[in-house]
Amino acid sequence: MTSRASTPGISALGLVSIVLLLAGCSAFDATAHGSAETTYTGASGLAKEHPEVASWLPSDATSITVVDSTRADDTMTVGFDSASAPDGCEAAARQSAPTMSVDTDVDVYAVDSVLVCGDWALARDADHWVAWTPAVEAG
């Protein structure tokens, strides 16, 4: 007599395997690449977790992606959409580029000047922005 595993049992095992695999991928990505990515729909959601970004981020910013280093090096890259420029920032010649990438339409290497907001450099292409720290320009 042969026994067969029940379909619900196999389904449950498959679901648990998928959940563990996905959780493991996130942990692996943070360890292997040294970064963690978080997205926000608007500036208010970001302000709670990253007040250092919220201090210069335009209030109309949307589609915000933060790539934060999981190492102790204070490196971060932020991509966002905004029709507004940040207030209180100074223009400077671009001397650096982000060390971590975000999915954005901004080609940092095609930009000659950036805005410097504290320790951050920001580059723009139309309503798309990318910001990074540390930035040599903040010097």
Protein backbone atom coordinates (compact mmCIF):
# COMPACT_ATOMS: atom_id res chain seq x y z
CA MET A 1 0.00 0.00 0.00
CA THR A 2 1.39 3.40 -0.96
CA SER A 3 0.61 6.62 0.84
CA ARG A 4 0.10 9.95 -0.81
CA ALA A 5 0.63 13.35 0.76
CA SER A 6 -2.46 15.45 0.85
CA THR A 7 -2.81 18.29 -1.61
CA PRO A 8 -3.42 20.89 1.15
CA GLY A 9 -0.29 19.68 2.94
CA ILE A 10 1.85 20.03 -0.17
CA SER A 11 0.35 23.45 -0.90
CA ALA A 12 1.11 24.66 2.62
CA LEU A 13 4.68 23.38 2.38
CA GLY A 14 5.10 25.16 -0.97
CA LEU A 15 3.76 28.42 0.43
CA VAL A 16 6.09 28.26 3.44
CA SER A 17 9.03 27.57 1.10
CA ILE A 18 8.21 30.61 -1.04
CA VAL A 19 7.92 32.89 2.01
CA LEU A 20 11.25 31.67 3.38
CA LEU A 21 12.89 32.05 -0.02
CA LEU A 22 11.69 35.64 -0.41
CA ALA A 23 12.73 36.58 3.11
CA GLY A 24 16.09 34.95 2.51
CA CYS A 25 16.60 36.90 -0.74
CA SER A 26 16.10 40.19 1.06
CA ALA A 27 18.56 39.23 3.78
CA PHE A 28 21.04 37.97 1.18
CA ASP A 29 20.72 41.19 -0.84
CA ALA A 30 21.38 43.35 2.22
CA THR A 31 24.43 41.25 3.12
CA ALA A 32 25.89 40.65 -0.35
CA HIS A 33 25.30 44.12 -1.78
CA GLY A 34 25.55 46.07 1.46
CA SER A 35 22.35 47.99 0.81
CA ALA A 36 18.65 48.02 1.55
CA GLU A 37 16.00 49.67 -0.63
CA THR A 38 12.81 51.28 0.66
CA THR A 39 10.13 53.13 -1.29
CA TYR A 40 7.77 55.89 -0.17
CA THR A 41 4.80 57.45 -1.94
CA GLY A 42 5.46 60.92 -0.53
CA ALA A 43 7.68 63.09 1.63
CA SER A 44 5.65 62.71 4.82
CA GLY A 45 6.23 58.95 4.97
CA LEU A 46 9.95 59.40 4.48
CA ALA A 47 10.26 62.09 7.18
CA LYS A 48 9.66 59.62 10.00
CA GLU A 49 12.47 57.28 9.02
CA HIS A 50 14.94 59.66 7.37
CA PRO A 51 14.71 63.16 8.83
CA GLU A 52 18.12 64.00 7.31
CA VAL A 53 16.57 63.62 3.85
CA ALA A 54 13.28 65.28 4.75
CA SER A 55 15.13 68.47 5.73
CA TRP A 56 15.78 69.31 2.04
CA LEU A 57 13.30 67.08 0.15
CA PRO A 58 10.62 69.13 -1.66
CA SER A 59 7.18 68.68 -0.11
CA ASP A 60 5.72 67.65 -3.49
CA ALA A 61 8.21 64.77 -3.90
CA THR A 62 6.68 61.46 -5.00
CA SER A 63 7.91 58.03 -6.06
CA ILE A 64 10.73 58.19 -3.51
CA THR A 65 13.27 55.36 -3.44
CA VAL A 66 15.93 55.23 -0.73
CA VAL A 67 18.93 52.94 -1.08
CA ASP A 68 20.69 52.93 2.26
CA SER A 69 24.00 51.27 3.07
CA THR A 70 23.79 48.41 5.56
CA ARG A 71 27.43 49.01 6.40
CA ALA A 72 28.70 51.64 8.82
CA ASP A 73 29.63 54.17 6.12
CA ASP A 74 26.64 56.60 6.08
CA THR A 75 26.20 56.14 2.33
CA MET A 76 22.74 56.72 0.87
CA THR A 77 21.18 57.40 -2.52
CA VAL A 78 17.67 58.77 -3.02
CA GLY A 79 15.66 58.96 -6.22
CA PHE A 80 12.42 60.95 -6.43
CA ASP A 81 10.12 62.91 -8.71
CA SER A 82 9.36 66.57 -8.04
CA ALA A 83 8.54 69.65 -10.08
CA SER A 84 10.15 71.75 -7.33
CA ALA A 85 13.78 72.29 -6.43
CA PRO A 86 14.84 71.95 -2.79
CA ASP A 87 15.03 75.21 -0.82
CA GLY A 88 18.24 76.51 0.71
CA CYS A 89 20.64 74.60 -1.52
CA GLU A 90 23.61 75.98 -3.43
CA ALA A 91 24.68 75.21 -7.00
CA ALA A 92 28.12 73.66 -7.46
CA ALA A 93 30.14 71.86 -10.13
CA ARG A 94 29.54 68.10 -9.96
CA GLN A 95 32.62 66.31 -8.64
CA SER A 96 31.15 63.04 -7.39
CA ALA A 97 28.44 60.50 -8.19
CA PRO A 98 26.30 58.11 -6.17
CA THR A 99 27.96 54.87 -5.11
CA MET A 100 24.61 53.04 -4.98
CA SER A 101 22.11 53.13 -7.81
CA VAL A 102 18.40 53.86 -7.84
CA ASP A 103 16.02 53.38 -10.73
CA THR A 104 15.78 56.91 -12.14
CA ASP A 105 15.99 58.69 -15.47
CA VAL A 106 18.82 60.93 -14.27
CA ASP A 107 22.21 60.32 -15.90
CA VAL A 108 24.50 61.79 -13.25
CA TYR A 109 27.50 61.64 -15.57
CA ALA A 110 25.75 63.89 -18.10
CA VAL A 111 25.21 66.59 -15.46
CA ASP A 112 27.84 69.32 -15.00
CA SER A 113 26.36 71.01 -11.93
CA VAL A 114 24.42 69.84 -8.89
CA LEU A 115 22.63 71.35 -5.95
CA VAL A 116 24.38 70.92 -2.62
CA CYS A 117 22.05 70.55 0.37
CA GLY A 118 24.09 69.97 3.52
CA ASP A 119 26.03 66.74 3.00
CA TRP A 120 24.00 65.86 -0.11
CA ALA A 121 24.48 66.47 -3.84
CA LEU A 122 21.38 66.46 -6.09
CA ALA A 123 21.18 66.09 -9.86
CA ARG A 124 18.07 66.67 -11.96
CA ASP A 125 16.65 65.71 -15.34
CA ALA A 126 13.23 67.32 -15.89
CA ASP A 127 11.14 66.31 -12.85
CA HIS A 128 13.38 63.36 -11.93
CA TRP A 129 16.00 63.74 -9.21
CA VAL A 130 18.80 61.68 -7.70
CA ALA A 131 20.57 62.64 -4.48
CA TRP A 132 23.57 61.08 -2.78
CA THR A 133 25.71 61.33 0.31
CA PRO A 134 28.51 61.56 1.08
CA ALA A 135 29.12 64.12 -1.62
CA VAL A 136 32.53 65.62 -2.37
CA GLU A 137 30.78 68.86 -3.32
CA ALA A 138 29.58 69.29 0.29
CA GLY A 139 33.23 69.41 1.26
